[in-house]
């Protein structure tokens, strides 16, 4: 099954409200990923986004669901600036996950 989030209906034309990101993350994204659904986040009509909004929207799903989140989160109609912010958050989260795995491995030795 697919869940569609049309951001313009939730936030207007600029994605900056972290409370809205949190509401979407907790209410739609996390439950959908939990059952293996694809989540399409549609940025049509969104001119820009803050890094803090994108981080609030997707960092917990990436941390909690790892590969499932990488496979099931889809970003539709995002402009180049928004895609770059999404990439930055993904890189940061990947580095964070690798660091956590190293820390856990190191503490078990």
Protein backbone atom coordinates (compact mmCIF):
# COMPACT_ATOMS: atom_id res chain seq x y z
CA UNK A 1 0.00 0.00 0.00
CA UNK A 2 1.08 3.60 -0.52
CA UNK A 3 0.62 6.64 1.67
CA UNK A 4 0.67 10.02 -0.06
CA UNK A 5 1.59 13.19 1.78
CA UNK A 6 0.81 16.30 -0.26
CA UNK A 7 2.90 18.83 1.65
CA UNK A 8 1.30 21.92 0.10
CA UNK A 9 -1.98 20.95 1.78
CA UNK A 10 -0.18 20.77 5.12
CA UNK A 11 2.29 23.65 5.06
CA UNK A 12 1.68 26.13 2.25
CA UNK A 13 4.54 26.83 -0.16
CA UNK A 14 7.54 26.76 2.20
CA UNK A 15 8.39 23.81 4.47
CA UNK A 16 9.70 25.20 7.74
CA UNK A 17 7.35 24.29 10.59
CA UNK A 18 8.99 21.50 12.59
CA UNK A 19 5.78 20.84 14.53
CA UNK A 20 4.02 20.01 11.26
CA UNK A 21 6.94 17.79 10.25
CA UNK A 22 6.70 15.99 13.60
CA UNK A 23 2.94 15.52 13.23
CA UNK A 24 3.38 14.03 9.73
CA UNK A 25 6.27 11.84 10.91
CA UNK A 26 4.40 10.45 13.92
CA UNK A 27 0.94 10.29 12.37
CA UNK A 28 1.69 9.02 8.86
CA UNK A 29 5.31 8.17 8.07
CA UNK A 30 6.27 6.01 11.05
CA UNK A 31 3.05 3.92 11.09
CA UNK A 32 3.27 3.36 7.32
CA UNK A 33 6.89 2.23 7.45
CA UNK A 34 6.10 -0.04 10.40
CA UNK A 35 3.81 -2.11 8.16
CA UNK A 36 6.09 -1.82 5.11
CA UNK A 37 4.06 0.72 3.15
CA UNK A 38 5.67 3.10 0.69
CA UNK A 39 5.39 6.77 1.68
CA UNK A 40 5.31 9.33 -1.12
CA UNK A 41 6.12 12.84 0.07
CA UNK A 42 4.93 15.20 -2.66
CA UNK A 43 6.69 18.57 -2.79
CA UNK A 44 4.62 19.96 -5.68
CA UNK A 45 4.16 23.70 -5.16
CA UNK A 46 6.77 23.85 -2.39
CA UNK A 47 9.37 26.51 -3.19
CA UNK A 48 11.80 25.57 -0.45
CA UNK A 49 12.39 23.84 2.86
CA UNK A 50 14.60 24.31 5.88
CA UNK A 51 17.07 21.61 6.79
CA UNK A 52 15.47 21.46 10.24
CA UNK A 53 12.06 20.68 8.67
CA UNK A 54 13.47 17.86 6.54
CA UNK A 55 15.45 16.54 9.51
CA UNK A 56 12.33 16.58 11.72
CA UNK A 57 10.38 14.81 8.97
CA UNK A 58 12.74 11.94 8.08
CA UNK A 59 15.58 11.51 10.58
CA UNK A 60 13.66 9.30 13.04
CA UNK A 61 12.28 7.07 10.28
CA UNK A 62 15.81 6.62 8.90
CA UNK A 63 17.24 5.91 12.36
CA UNK A 64 14.45 3.52 13.39
CA UNK A 65 13.74 1.74 10.10
CA UNK A 66 17.12 2.05 8.33
CA UNK A 67 16.94 0.17 4.98
CA UNK A 68 13.14 0.11 5.00
CA UNK A 69 13.13 3.92 5.15
CA UNK A 70 15.75 4.17 2.40
CA UNK A 71 13.63 1.88 0.20
CA UNK A 72 10.12 3.09 1.06
CA UNK A 73 10.43 6.89 1.38
CA UNK A 74 9.83 8.55 -2.00
CA UNK A 75 10.28 12.26 -2.68
CA UNK A 76 8.13 13.51 -5.54
CA UNK A 77 8.31 16.91 -7.27
CA UNK A 78 11.14 18.18 -5.04
CA UNK A 79 13.17 20.97 -6.64
CA UNK A 80 16.98 20.84 -6.71
CA UNK A 81 17.38 22.84 -3.49
CA UNK A 82 15.01 20.56 -1.58
CA UNK A 83 16.68 17.45 -3.04
CA UNK A 84 20.04 18.75 -1.83
CA UNK A 85 18.68 19.24 1.69
CA UNK A 86 17.22 15.72 1.65
CA UNK A 87 20.62 14.40 0.54
CA UNK A 88 22.37 16.29 3.35
CA UNK A 89 20.02 14.77 5.94
CA UNK A 90 20.49 11.27 4.46
CA UNK A 91 24.29 11.63 4.54
CA UNK A 92 24.21 12.89 8.10
CA UNK A 93 21.95 10.03 9.20
CA UNK A 94 24.07 7.41 7.40
CA UNK A 95 27.20 8.73 9.13
CA UNK A 96 25.34 8.72 12.44
CA UNK A 97 24.20 5.11 11.97
CA UNK A 98 27.71 3.96 11.01
CA UNK A 99 29.11 5.77 14.04
CA UNK A 100 26.56 4.14 16.34
CA UNK A 101 27.34 0.69 14.96
CA UNK A 102 31.07 1.29 15.56
CA UNK A 103 30.41 2.50 19.09
CA UNK A 104 28.31 -0.55 19.90
CA UNK A 105 30.87 -2.91 18.41
CA UNK A 106 33.67 -1.19 20.29
CA UNK A 107 31.88 -1.40 23.62
CA UNK A 108 31.35 -5.15 23.27
CA UNK A 109 35.05 -5.92 22.89
